[in-house]
PDB file of N, CA and C in Angstrom:
ATOM      1  N   MET A   1     108.162  91.676 105.934  1.00  0.00           N
ATOM      2  CA  MET A   1     108.297  90.808 106.978  1.00  0.00           C
ATOM      3  C   MET A   1     107.308  90.368 107.980  1.00  0.00           C
ATOM      4  N   ALA A   2     106.339  91.475 108.328  1.00  0.00           N
ATOM      5  CA  ALA A   2     105.454  91.274 109.537  1.00  0.00           C
ATOM      6  C   ALA A   2     104.367  91.247 109.171  1.00  0.00           C
ATOM      7  N   LEU A   3     104.145  91.214 107.561  1.00  0.00           N
ATOM      8  CA  LEU A   3     102.747  91.427 106.964  1.00  0.00           C
ATOM      9  C   LEU A   3     101.822  90.116 107.244  1.00  0.00           C
ATOM     10  N   PRO A   4     102.182  89.017 107.523  1.00  0.00           N
ATOM     11  CA  PRO A   4     101.449  87.951 107.565  1.00  0.00           C
ATOM     12  C   PRO A   4     100.911  88.003 109.146  1.00  0.00           C
ATOM     13  N   ALA A   5     101.745  87.969 110.000  1.00  0.00           N
ATOM     14  CA  ALA A   5     101.446  88.347 111.219  1.00  0.00           C
ATOM     15  C   ALA A   5     100.347  89.587 111.560  1.00  0.00           C
ATOM     16  N   ALA A   6     100.712  90.832 110.814  1.00  0.00           N
ATOM     17  CA  ALA A   6      99.929  91.925 111.000  1.00  0.00           C
ATOM     18  C   ALA A   6      98.560  91.713 110.442  1.00  0.00           C
ATOM     19  N   ILE A   7      98.471  90.852 109.248  1.00  0.00           N
ATOM     20  CA  ILE A   7      97.005  90.625 108.547  1.00  0.00           C
ATOM     21  C   ILE A   7      96.212  89.860 109.604  1.00  0.00           C
ATOM     22  N   LEU A   8      96.763  88.866 110.103  1.00  0.00           N
ATOM     23  CA  LEU A   8      96.108  87.969 111.218  1.00  0.00           C
ATOM     24  C   LEU A   8      95.478  89.025 112.514  1.00  0.00           C
ATOM     25  N   ALA A   9      96.606  89.882 112.828  1.00  0.00           N
ATOM     26  CA  ALA A   9      96.024  90.625 113.762  1.00  0.00           C
ATOM     27  C   ALA A   9      94.812  91.615 113.798  1.00  0.00           C
ATOM     28  N   VAL A  10      94.886  92.128 112.512  1.00  0.00           N
ATOM     29  CA  VAL A  10      93.603  92.571 111.920  1.00  0.00           C
ATOM     30  C   VAL A  10      92.651  91.923 112.045  1.00  0.00           C
ATOM     31  N   LEU A  11      92.377  90.695 111.425  1.00  0.00           N
ATOM     32  CA  LEU A  11      91.362  90.228 111.392  1.00  0.00           C
ATOM     33  C   LEU A  11      90.939  89.544 112.810  1.00  0.00           C
ATOM     34  N   VAL A  12      91.770  89.518 113.728  1.00  0.00           N
ATOM     35  CA  VAL A  12      91.220  89.074 115.060  1.00  0.00           C
ATOM     36  C   VAL A  12      90.641  90.467 115.539  1.00  0.00           C
ATOM     37  N   LEU A  13      91.472  91.493 115.391  1.00  0.00           N
ATOM     38  CA  LEU A  13      90.731  92.926 115.997  1.00  0.00           C
ATOM     39  C   LEU A  13      89.516  93.172 115.730  1.00  0.00           C
ATOM     40  N   LEU A  14      89.314  92.985 113.979  1.00  0.00           N
ATOM     41  CA  LEU A  14      88.068  93.257 113.544  1.00  0.00           C
ATOM     42  C   LEU A  14      86.786  92.500 114.181  1.00  0.00           C
ATOM     43  N   VAL A  15      87.052  91.317 114.160  1.00  0.00           N
ATOM     44  CA  VAL A  15      86.356  90.139 115.066  1.00  0.00           C
ATOM     45  C   VAL A  15      86.252  90.570 116.343  1.00  0.00           C
ATOM     46  N   GLY A  16      87.214  91.092 117.161  1.00  0.00           N
ATOM     47  CA  GLY A  16      87.228  91.475 118.341  1.00  0.00           C
ATOM     48  C   GLY A  16      86.535  92.638 118.867  1.00  0.00           C
ATOM     49  N   ALA A  17      86.391  93.221 117.850  1.00  0.00           N
ATOM     50  CA  ALA A  17      85.258  94.514 118.146  1.00  0.00           C
ATOM     51  C   ALA A  17      83.800  94.241 118.152  1.00  0.00           C
ATOM     52  N   GLY A  18      83.448  93.092 117.560  1.00  0.00           N
ATOM     53  CA  GLY A  18      82.261  92.719 117.731  1.00  0.00           C
ATOM     54  C   GLY A  18      81.977  91.934 119.101  1.00  0.00           C
ATOM     55  N   VAL A  19      82.908  91.256 119.653  1.00  0.00           N
ATOM     56  CA  VAL A  19      82.558  90.280 120.723  1.00  0.00           C
ATOM     57  C   VAL A  19      83.387  91.001 121.902  1.00  0.00           C
ATOM     58  N   VAL A  20      83.461  92.343 122.305  1.00  0.00           N
ATOM     59  CA  VAL A  20      83.692  92.934 123.322  1.00  0.00           C
ATOM     60  C   VAL A  20      82.728  92.798 124.557  1.00  0.00           C
ATOM     61  N   GLY A  21      83.028  92.157 125.395  1.00  0.00           N
ATOM     62  CA  GLY A  21      81.999  91.928 126.514  1.00  0.00           C
ATOM     63  C   GLY A  21      81.562  90.403 126.843  1.00  0.00           C
ATOM     64  N   THR A  22      82.330  89.706 125.869  1.00  0.00           N
ATOM     65  CA  THR A  22      81.730  88.328 125.440  1.00  0.00           C
ATOM     66  C   THR A  22      82.934  87.506 126.492  1.00  0.00           C
ATOM     67  N   GLU A  23      82.900  86.055 126.450  1.00  0.00           N
ATOM     68  CA  GLU A  23      83.924  85.204 127.200  1.00  0.00           C
ATOM     69  C   GLU A  23      85.249  84.906 125.871  1.00  0.00           C
ATOM     70  N   ILE A  24      84.622  84.969 124.682  1.00  0.00           N
ATOM     71  CA  ILE A  24      85.490  85.180 123.592  1.00  0.00           C
ATOM     72  C   ILE A  24      86.622  86.182 123.726  1.00  0.00           C
ATOM     73  N   PHE A  25      86.197  87.086 124.278  1.00  0.00           N
ATOM     74  CA  PHE A  25      87.141  88.468 124.440  1.00  0.00           C
ATOM     75  C   PHE A  25      88.552  88.468 125.057  1.00  0.00           C
ATOM     76  N   THR A  26      88.700  87.255 125.885  1.00  0.00           N
ATOM     77  CA  THR A  26      89.779  86.849 126.473  1.00  0.00           C
ATOM     78  C   THR A  26      90.939  86.293 125.499  1.00  0.00           C
ATOM     79  N   ILE A  27      90.247  85.518 124.484  1.00  0.00           N
ATOM     80  CA  ILE A  27      90.928  84.736 123.641  1.00  0.00           C
ATOM     81  C   ILE A  27      91.550  85.976 122.543  1.00  0.00           C
ATOM     82  N   VAL A  28      90.742  86.782 122.644  1.00  0.00           N
ATOM     83  CA  VAL A  28      90.994  87.866 121.565  1.00  0.00           C
ATOM     84  C   VAL A  28      92.255  88.758 121.876  1.00  0.00           C
ATOM     85  N   ARG A  29      92.054  89.002 123.300  1.00  0.00           N
ATOM     86  CA  ARG A  29      93.035  89.835 123.972  1.00  0.00           C
ATOM     87  C   ARG A  29      94.486  88.866 123.967  1.00  0.00           C
ATOM     88  N   TYR A  30      94.436  87.417 124.193  1.00  0.00           N
ATOM     89  CA  TYR A  30      95.690  86.559 124.159  1.00  0.00           C
ATOM     90  C   TYR A  30      96.256  86.972 122.734  1.00  0.00           C
ATOM     91  N   VAL A  31      95.446  86.700 121.658  1.00  0.00           N
ATOM     92  CA  VAL A  31      96.006  86.425 120.277  1.00  0.00           C
ATOM     93  C   VAL A  31      96.355  88.165 120.065  1.00  0.00           C
ATOM     94  N   VAL A  32      95.685  88.910 120.082  1.00  0.00           N
ATOM     95  CA  VAL A  32      96.251  90.425 119.695  1.00  0.00           C
ATOM     96  C   VAL A  32      97.648  90.594 120.445  1.00  0.00           C
ATOM     97  N   SER A  33      97.745  90.115 121.425  1.00  0.00           N
ATOM     98  CA  SER A  33      98.959  90.482 122.424  1.00  0.00           C
ATOM     99  C   SER A  33      99.973  90.000 122.026  1.00  0.00           C
ATOM    100  N   ILE A  34      99.907  88.573 121.829  1.00  0.00           N
ATOM    101  CA  ILE A  34     100.890  87.903 121.167  1.00  0.00           C
ATOM    102  C   ILE A  34     101.164  88.143 119.815  1.00  0.00           C
ATOM    103  N   LEU A  35     100.468  88.508 119.027  1.00  0.00           N
ATOM    104  CA  LEU A  35     100.823  89.125 117.716  1.00  0.00           C
ATOM    105  C   LEU A  35     101.536  90.282 117.772  1.00  0.00           C
ATOM    106  N   ALA A  36     101.338  91.233 118.760  1.00  0.00           N
ATOM    107  CA  ALA A  36     101.738  92.331 118.480  1.00  0.00           C
ATOM    108  C   ALA A  36     103.258  92.218 119.033  1.00  0.00           C
ATOM    109  N   LEU A  37     103.352  91.330 120.218  1.00  0.00           N
ATOM    110  CA  LEU A  37     104.732  91.134 120.275  1.00  0.00           C
ATOM    111  C   LEU A  37     105.873  90.344 119.382  1.00  0.00           C
ATOM    112  N   ILE A  38     105.025  89.555 118.884  1.00  0.00           N
ATOM    113  CA  ILE A  38     105.792  88.649 117.414  1.00  0.00           C
ATOM    114  C   ILE A  38     106.245  90.018 116.445  1.00  0.00           C
ATOM    115  N   CYS A  39     105.268  90.859 116.296  1.00  0.00           N
ATOM    116  CA  CYS A  39     105.747  91.793 115.552  1.00  0.00           C
ATOM    117  C   CYS A  39     106.628  92.688 115.648  1.00  0.00           C
ATOM    118  N   VAL A  40     106.771  92.973 117.211  1.00  0.00           N
ATOM    119  CA  VAL A  40     107.871  93.814 117.714  1.00  0.00           C
ATOM    120  C   VAL A  40     109.267  93.132 117.518  1.00  0.00           C
ATOM    121  N   VAL A  41     109.273  91.554 117.567  1.00  0.00           N
ATOM    122  CA  VAL A  41     110.412  90.916 117.436  1.00  0.00           C
ATOM    123  C   VAL A  41     110.655  91.238 115.772  1.00  0.00           C
ATOM    124  N   LEU A  42     109.875  90.833 115.233  1.00  0.00           N
ATOM    125  CA  LEU A  42     110.108  90.985 113.672  1.00  0.00           C
ATOM    126  C   LEU A  42     110.728  92.357 113.127  1.00  0.00           C
ATOM    127  N   VAL A  43     109.969  93.187 113.588  1.00  0.00           N
ATOM    128  CA  VAL A  43     110.578  94.727 113.370  1.00  0.00           C
ATOM    129  C   VAL A  43     111.732  94.990 114.178  1.00  0.00           C
ATOM    130  N   TRP A  44     112.278  94.396 115.135  1.00  0.00           N
ATOM    131  CA  TRP A  44     113.409  94.662 116.003  1.00  0.00           C
ATOM    132  C   TRP A  44     114.638  93.857 114.852  1.00  0.00           C
ATOM    133  N   GLN A  45     114.068  92.576 114.313  1.00  0.00           N
ATOM    134  CA  GLN A  45     114.847  92.027 113.629  1.00  0.00           C
ATOM    135  C   GLN A  45     115.556  92.543 112.204  1.00  0.00           C
ATOM    136  N   VAL A  46     114.464  93.265 111.780  1.00  0.00           N
ATOM    137  CA  VAL A  46     114.951  94.136 110.176  1.00  0.00           C
ATOM    138  C   VAL A  46     115.096  95.490 110.707  1.00  0.00           C
ATOM    139  N   ARG A  47     115.598  95.756 112.159  1.00  0.00           N
ATOM    140  CA  ARG A  47     116.502  97.007 112.253  1.00  0.00           C
ATOM    141  C   ARG A  47     115.532  98.170 112.093  1.00  0.00           C
ATOM    142  N   GLN A  48     113.974  98.025 112.066  1.00  0.00           N
ATOM    143  CA  GLN A  48     113.168  98.970 112.164  1.00  0.00           C
ATOM    144  C   GLN A  48     112.496  98.988 113.624  1.00  0.00           C
ATOM    145  N   TRP A  49     113.063  99.417 114.638  1.00  0.00           N
ATOM    146  CA  TRP A  49     112.759  99.457 116.033  1.00  0.00           C
ATOM    147  C   TRP A  49     111.462 100.607 116.146  1.00  0.00           C
ATOM    148  N   TRP A  50     111.504 101.670 115.172  1.00  0.00           N
ATOM    149  CA  TRP A  50     110.530 102.764 115.453  1.00  0.00           C
ATOM    150  C   TRP A  50     109.078 102.267 115.343  1.00  0.00           C
ATOM    151  N   TRP A  51     108.811 101.182 114.748  1.00  0.00           N
ATOM    152  CA  TRP A  51     107.590 100.405 114.684  1.00  0.00           C
ATOM    153  C   TRP A  51     107.036 100.105 116.080  1.00  0.00           C
ATOM    154  N   ALA A  52     107.873  99.912 116.664  1.00  0.00           N
ATOM    155  CA  ALA A  52     107.498  98.913 117.952  1.00  0.00           C
ATOM    156  C   ALA A  52     107.159 100.179 118.857  1.00  0.00           C
ATOM    157  N   VAL A  53     107.014 101.258 118.903  1.00  0.00           N
ATOM    158  CA  VAL A  53     106.406 102.495 119.375  1.00  0.00           C
ATOM    159  C   VAL A  53     104.802 102.491 119.462  1.00  0.00           C
ATOM    160  N   GLY A  54     104.406 101.898 118.321  1.00  0.00           N
ATOM    161  CA  GLY A  54     102.991 101.632 117.790  1.00  0.00           C
ATOM    162  C   GLY A  54     102.653 100.211 118.549  1.00  0.00           C
ATOM    163  N   LEU A  55     103.245  99.227 118.518  1.00  0.00           N
ATOM    164  CA  LEU A  55     103.177  98.020 118.956  1.00  0.00           C
ATOM    165  C   LEU A  55     103.148  97.478 120.403  1.00  0.00           C
ATOM    166  N   ILE A  56     103.936  98.280 121.088  1.00  0.00           N
ATOM    167  CA  ILE A  56     104.202  97.822 122.334  1.00  0.00           C
ATOM    168  C   ILE A  56     102.912  98.465 123.465  1.00  0.00           C
ATOM    169  N   PRO A  57     102.397  99.412 122.902  1.00  0.00           N
ATOM    170  CA  PRO A  57     101.103  99.835 123.660  1.00  0.00           C
ATOM    171  C   PRO A  57      99.842  98.889 123.575  1.00  0.00           C
ATOM    172  N   ILE A  58     100.017  98.383 122.331  1.00  0.00           N
ATOM    173  CA  ILE A  58      98.754  97.285 121.950  1.00  0.00           C
ATOM    174  C   ILE A  58      98.989  95.949 122.793  1.00  0.00           C
ATOM    175  N   ALA A  59     100.390  95.898 122.649  1.00  0.00           N
ATOM    176  CA  ALA A  59     100.735  94.481 123.584  1.00  0.00           C
ATOM    177  C   ALA A  59     100.232  94.669 124.945  1.00  0.00           C
ATOM    178  N   ILE A  60     100.567  95.890 125.598  1.00  0.00           N
ATOM    179  CA  ILE A  60     100.212  96.158 127.146  1.00  0.00           C
ATOM    180  C   ILE A  60      98.619  96.357 127.275  1.00  0.00           C
ATOM    181  N   LEU A  61      97.861  97.086 126.062  1.00  0.00           N
ATOM    182  CA  LEU A  61      96.330  97.158 126.511  1.00  0.00           C
ATOM    183  C   LEU A  61      95.537  95.609 126.312  1.00  0.00           C
ATOM    184  N   TRP A  62      96.096  94.985 125.347  1.00  0.00           N
ATOM    185  CA  TRP A  62      95.552  93.779 125.277  1.00  0.00           C
ATOM    186  C   TRP A  62      96.068  92.478 125.902  1.00  0.00           C
ATOM    187  N   ASN A  63      96.935  92.877 126.974  1.00  0.00           N
ATOM    188  CA  ASN A  63      97.620  91.816 127.768  1.00  0.00           C
ATOM    189  C   ASN A  63      96.283  91.390 128.733  1.00  0.00           C
ATOM    190  N   PRO A  64      96.266  90.049 128.533  1.00  0.00           N
ATOM    191  CA  PRO A  64      94.878  89.167 129.383  1.00  0.00           C
ATOM    192  C   PRO A  64      95.399  89.023 130.632  1.00  0.00           C
ATOM    193  N   ILE A  65      97.035  88.751 130.913  1.00  0.00           N
ATOM    194  CA  ILE A  65      97.326  88.705 132.393  1.00  0.00           C
ATOM    195  C   ILE A  65      97.086  89.548 133.233  1.00  0.00           C
ATOM    196  N   PHE A  66      97.438  90.812 132.921  1.00  0.00           N
ATOM    197  CA  PHE A  66      97.248  91.797 133.767  1.00  0.00           C
ATOM    198  C   PHE A  66      96.141  92.879 132.923  1.00  0.00           C
ATOM    199  N   PRO A  67      95.014  92.667 133.008  1.00  0.00           N
ATOM    200  CA  PRO A  67      93.990  93.512 131.990  1.00  0.00           C
ATOM    201  C   PRO A  67      93.847  94.554 132.455  1.00  0.00           C
ATOM    202  N   ILE A  68      93.803  95.847 131.544  1.00  0.00           N
ATOM    203  CA  ILE A  68      93.279  97.058 131.824  1.00  0.00           C
ATOM    204  C   ILE A  68      92.061  97.204 131.178  1.00  0.00           C
ATOM    205  N   GLU A  69      91.009  97.399 132.258  1.00  0.00           N
ATOM    206  CA  GLU A  69      89.902  97.291 131.936  1.00  0.00           C
ATOM    207  C   GLU A  69      89.130  98.522 131.495  1.00  0.00           C
ATOM    208  N   ILE A  70      88.706  98.939 130.636  1.00  0.00           N
ATOM    209  CA  ILE A  70      87.903 100.007 129.856  1.00  0.00           C
ATOM    210  C   ILE A  70      86.608  99.889 130.059  1.00  0.00           C
ATOM    211  N   ALA A  71      85.933 100.630 130.661  1.00  0.00           N
ATOM    212  CA  ALA A  71      84.470 100.416 130.920  1.00  0.00           C
ATOM    213  C   ALA A  71      83.747 100.835 129.562  1.00  0.00           C
ATOM    214  N   ASP A  72      84.145 101.869 128.862  1.00  0.00           N
ATOM    215  CA  ASP A  72      83.423 102.613 127.863  1.00  0.00           C
ATOM    216  C   ASP A  72      83.396 101.241 126.817  1.00  0.00           C
ATOM    217  N   VAL A  73      82.450 100.660 126.138  1.00  0.00           N
ATOM    218  CA  VAL A  73      82.514  99.563 125.161  1.00  0.00           C
ATOM    219  C   VAL A  73      82.851 100.645 123.609  1.00  0.00           C
ATOM    220  N   GLN A  74      82.297 101.602 123.746  1.00  0.00           N
ATOM    221  CA  GLN A  74      82.725 102.406 122.209  1.00  0.00           C
ATOM    222  C   GLN A  74      83.904 102.549 122.167  1.00  0.00           C
ATOM    223  N   LEU A  75      84.584 103.063 123.313  1.00  0.00           N
ATOM    224  CA  LEU A  75      85.899 103.577 123.347  1.00  0.00           C
ATOM    225  C   LEU A  75      87.030 102.355 122.939  1.00  0.00           C
ATOM    226  N   LEU A  76      86.892 101.142 123.829  1.00  0.00           N
ATOM    227  CA  LEU A  76      87.282  99.848 123.306  1.00  0.00           C
ATOM    228  C   LEU A  76      86.961  99.170 121.586  1.00  0.00           C
ATOM    229  N   GLN A  77      86.111  99.560 121.402  1.00  0.00           N
ATOM    230  CA  GLN A  77      85.760  99.292 119.855  1.00  0.00           C
ATOM    231  C   GLN A  77      86.446 100.217 118.923  1.00  0.00           C
ATOM    232  N   GLY A  78      86.486 101.237 119.374  1.00  0.00           N
ATOM    233  CA  GLY A  78      87.489 102.351 118.602  1.00  0.00           C
ATOM    234  C   GLY A  78      88.885 102.047 118.777  1.00  0.00           C
ATOM    235  N   LEU A  79      89.220 101.686 119.890  1.00  0.00           N
ATOM    236  CA  LEU A  79      90.533 101.240 119.833  1.00  0.00           C
ATOM    237  C   LEU A  79      91.131  99.992 119.154  1.00  0.00           C
ATOM    238  N   HIS A  80      90.097  99.257 119.050  1.00  0.00           N
ATOM    239  CA  HIS A  80      90.453  97.793 117.834  1.00  0.00           C
ATOM    240  C   HIS A  80      90.581  98.456 116.746  1.00  0.00           C
ATOM    241  N   TYR A  81      89.520  99.465 116.247  1.00  0.00           N
ATOM    242  CA  TYR A  81      90.052  99.790 114.738  1.00  0.00           C
ATOM    243  C   TYR A  81      91.239 100.785 114.499  1.00  0.00           C
ATOM    244  N   THR A  82      91.940 101.228 115.837  1.00  0.00           N
ATOM    245  CA  THR A  82      92.870 102.164 115.787  1.00  0.00           C
ATOM    246  C   THR A  82      94.137 100.990 115.666  1.00  0.00           C
ATOM    247  N   ALA A  83      94.023 100.181 116.395  1.00  0.00           N
ATOM    248  CA  ALA A  83      95.170  98.942 116.469  1.00  0.00           C
ATOM    249  C   ALA A  83      95.428  98.417 115.186  1.00  0.00           C
ATOM    250  N   ALA A  84      93.886  97.959 114.616  1.00  0.00           N
ATOM    251  CA  ALA A  84      93.931  97.314 113.163  1.00  0.00           C
ATOM    252  C   ALA A  84      94.645  98.266 112.043  1.00  0.00           C
ATOM    253  N   LEU A  85      94.768  99.782 112.230  1.00  0.00           N
ATOM    254  CA  LEU A  85      95.291 100.518 111.490  1.00  0.00           C
ATOM    255  C   LEU A  85      97.038 100.386 111.813  1.00  0.00           C
ATOM    256  N   VAL A  86      97.203 100.540 113.232  1.00  0.00           N
ATOM    257  CA  VAL A  86      98.527 100.276 113.293  1.00  0.00           C
ATOM    258  C   VAL A  86      99.517  99.313 112.688  1.00  0.00           C
ATOM    259  N   PHE A  87      98.705  98.035 113.007  1.00  0.00           N
ATOM    260  CA  PHE A  87      99.123  96.630 112.463  1.00  0.00           C
ATOM    261  C   PHE A  87      99.062  96.861 110.875  1.00  0.00           C
ATOM    262  N   ILE A  88      98.263  97.487 110.144  1.00  0.00           N
ATOM    263  CA  ILE A  88      98.332  97.491 108.669  1.00  0.00           C
ATOM    264  C   ILE A  88      99.272  98.386 108.501  1.00  0.00           C
ATOM    265  N   ALA A  89      99.623  99.497 109.067  1.00  0.00           N
ATOM    266  CA  ALA A  89     100.811 100.430 108.670  1.00  0.00           C
ATOM    267  C   ALA A  89     102.256  99.596 108.759  1.00  0.00           C
ATOM    268  N   VAL A  90     102.297  98.649 109.955  1.00  0.00           N
ATOM    269  CA  VAL A  90     103.267  98.124 110.085  1.00  0.00           C
ATOM    270  C   VAL A  90     103.642  96.961 109.086  1.00  0.00           C
ATOM    271  N   GLY A  91     102.599  96.358 109.039  1.00  0.00           N
ATOM    272  CA  GLY A  91     102.616  95.231 107.953  1.00  0.00           C
ATOM    273  C   GLY A  91     102.989  95.871 106.262  1.00  0.00           C
ATOM    274  N   VAL A  92     102.827  97.017 106.124  1.00  0.00           N
ATOM    275  CA  VAL A  92     102.942  97.434 104.662  1.00  0.00           C
ATOM    276  C   VAL A  92     104.693  98.385 104.874  1.00  0.00           C
ATOM    277  N   GLY A  93     104.745  98.973 106.086  1.00  0.00           N
ATOM    278  CA  GLY A  93     105.936  99.857 106.263  1.00  0.00           C
ATOM    279  C   GLY A  93     107.162  99.115 106.276  1.00  0.00           C
ATOM    280  N   ALA A  94     106.905  97.844 107.343  1.00  0.00           N
ATOM    281  CA  ALA A  94     108.220  97.226 107.798  1.00  0.00           C
ATOM    282  C   ALA A  94     108.810  96.400 107.162  1.00  0.00           C
ATOM    283  N   ARG A  95     109.945  96.684 106.115  1.00  0.00           N
ATOM    284  CA  ARG A  95     110.267  95.849 105.116  1.00  0.00           C
ATOM    285  C   ARG A  95     111.536  95.892 105.199  1.00  0.00           C
ATOM    286  N   VAL A  96     112.109  94.649 104.760  1.00  0.00           N
ATOM    287  CA  VAL A  96     113.324  94.517 104.427  1.00  0.00           C
ATOM    288  C   VAL A  96     114.168  94.988 103.144  1.00  0.00           C
ATOM    289  N   THR A  97     114.949  95.890 103.431  1.00  0.00           N
ATOM    290  CA  THR A  97     115.768  96.261 102.436  1.00  0.00           C
ATOM    291  C   THR A  97     116.965  95.737 101.830  1.00  0.00           C
ATOM    292  N   ASP A  98     116.914  94.993 101.069  1.00  0.00           N
ATOM    293  CA  ASP A  98     118.132  94.261 100.777  1.00  0.00           C
ATOM    294  C   ASP A  98     118.948  94.975  99.356  1.00  0.00           C
ATOM    295  N   SER A  99     120.054  95.312  99.691  1.00  0.00           N
ATOM    296  CA  SER A  99     120.884  96.133  98.561  1.00  0.00           C
ATOM    297  C   SER A  99     121.076  95.356  97.590  1.00  0.00           C
ATOM    298  N   THR A 100     120.930  93.892  97.757  1.00  0.00           N
ATOM    299  CA  THR A 100     121.799  93.036  96.740  1.00  0.00           C
ATOM    300  C   THR A 100     120.351  92.289  95.785  1.00  0.00           C
ATOM    301  N   SER A 101     119.181  92.671  96.201  1.00  0.00           N
ATOM    302  CA  SER A 101     118.076  92.301  95.486  1.00  0.00           C
ATOM    303  C   SER A 101     118.177  93.185  94.101  1.00  0.00           C
ATOM    304  N   ARG A 102     117.289  92.526  92.983  1.00  0.00           N
ATOM    305  CA  ARG A 102     117.308  93.012  91.721  1.00  0.00           C
ATOM    306  C   ARG A 102     115.943  93.543  91.319  1.00  0.00           C
ATOM    307  N   GLY A 103     114.997  93.239  92.287  1.00  0.00           N
ATOM    308  CA  GLY A 103     113.405  93.509  92.040  1.00  0.00           C
ATOM    309  C   GLY A 103     113.199  94.980  92.450  1.00  0.00           C
TER     310      GLY A 103
END
């Protein structure tokens, strides 16, 4: 259910790791934060709220309105890769389990 948003977030995070400290990074913050909140809504709708435990901190750390400044560029780049792994896990793990499906 959250796979398309998660894939888009992973792509933005991988690009964002390369543009840390530039003007484009603000756009990356907006997109990542919004996609994290979209994924929170999607996993909440399929009643798998435990995935929100990893997504809410991402939405907070990449929040462009009240930014949390991290001075260490390498740490911020590492957080980008860690957040990408969280999005991959959510995209693959958050599935709708339909008992009526035959596939």
